[in-house]
Protein backbone atom coordinates (compact mmCIF):
# COMPACT_ATOMS: atom_id res chain seq x y z
CA MET A 1 -6.38 -24.06 30.10
CA GLY A 2 -4.62 -21.30 28.20
CA GLN A 3 -6.07 -18.23 26.62
CA PRO A 4 -7.14 -18.48 22.96
CA PRO A 5 -4.70 -16.76 20.59
CA ASN A 6 -5.39 -13.13 19.79
CA PRO A 7 -6.91 -12.54 16.35
CA PRO A 8 -4.71 -10.67 13.87
CA PRO A 9 -5.30 -6.92 13.76
CA ALA A 10 -7.76 -5.74 11.14
CA ALA A 11 -6.38 -3.83 8.19
CA GLY A 12 -7.20 -0.18 8.61
CA PRO A 13 -5.87 3.28 7.94
CA GLY A 14 -2.50 2.32 9.37
CA ALA A 15 -2.18 -0.93 7.42
CA ALA A 16 1.19 -1.27 5.71
CA ALA A 17 1.26 -1.49 1.91
CA GLY A 18 4.80 -2.86 1.79
CA LEU A 19 7.01 -1.38 -0.94
CA CYS A 20 4.17 0.82 -2.15
CA ASP A 21 4.42 2.97 0.99
CA GLY A 22 7.81 4.23 -0.17
CA CYS A 23 7.24 4.26 -3.94
CA VAL A 24 6.85 7.35 -6.14
CA HIS A 25 4.08 5.57 -8.09
CA GLN A 26 1.72 5.12 -5.12
CA GLN A 27 -1.37 7.28 -4.80
CA LEU A 28 -3.66 6.82 -1.82
CA VAL A 29 -7.34 6.83 -2.77
CA HIS A 30 -9.98 7.46 -0.08
CA ASN A 31 -13.62 6.51 -0.54
CA THR A 32 -16.75 7.86 1.12
CA ARG A 33 -16.96 4.89 3.49
CA GLY A 34 -13.63 5.72 5.09
CA SER A 35 -11.50 3.07 3.35
CA THR A 36 -8.11 3.87 1.84
CA PHE A 37 -6.71 2.06 -1.19
CA SER A 38 -3.20 2.05 -2.66
CA LEU A 39 -3.37 2.90 -6.39
CA CYS A 40 -0.36 2.07 -8.55
CA MET A 41 0.02 4.92 -11.05
CA ARG A 42 2.24 2.72 -13.26
CA SER A 43 -0.91 0.75 -14.12
CA ARG A 44 -2.13 3.70 -16.22
CA GLU A 45 0.68 3.25 -18.74
CA ASP A 46 1.67 -0.40 -18.31
CA PRO A 47 -1.03 -3.10 -18.01
CA ALA A 48 1.53 -5.45 -16.40
CA TYR A 49 1.00 -3.54 -13.13
CA PRO A 50 -2.27 -4.05 -11.25
CA ARG A 51 -4.26 -0.89 -10.55
CA TYR A 52 -4.80 -1.91 -6.91
CA PRO A 53 -2.14 -4.52 -6.00
CA ARG A 54 -2.65 -7.07 -3.24
CA LEU A 55 -1.02 -5.82 -0.08
CA PRO A 56 1.55 -5.93 1.28
CA VAL A 57 3.67 -5.70 -1.87
CA LEU A 58 7.00 -7.39 -1.10
CA ASP A 59 8.54 -7.41 -4.59
CA CYS A 60 7.92 -5.12 -7.55
CA PRO A 61 10.11 -4.56 -10.63
CA GLY A 62 8.67 -1.05 -11.04
CA TYR A 63 9.48 0.12 -7.52
CA GLU A 64 11.16 3.54 -7.41
CA PRO A 65 11.86 4.97 -3.95
CA ARG A 66 10.49 8.38 -3.05
CA ARG A 67 12.99 11.12 -2.47
CA PRO A 68 12.95 12.34 1.12
CA GLY A 69 11.14 15.64 1.54
CA PRO A 70 12.52 18.67 3.37
CA ALA A 71 12.89 18.29 7.14
CA GLN A 72 10.23 20.02 9.18
């Protein structure tokens, strides 16, 4: 008999948010229990955007890439 399949990894601090991870409108929000949420700042001015989108975001008409920061 073979081994049972491995369960998928749990979403955690390193979980990918898709397009949001590279978008200028993303703000990471941390709570007191240690969870991190991806807040879409566009939602404050346009109700068409969810405040906390389902992740990973694969397509978004409001996506604007972040400019690369200075090299360290």
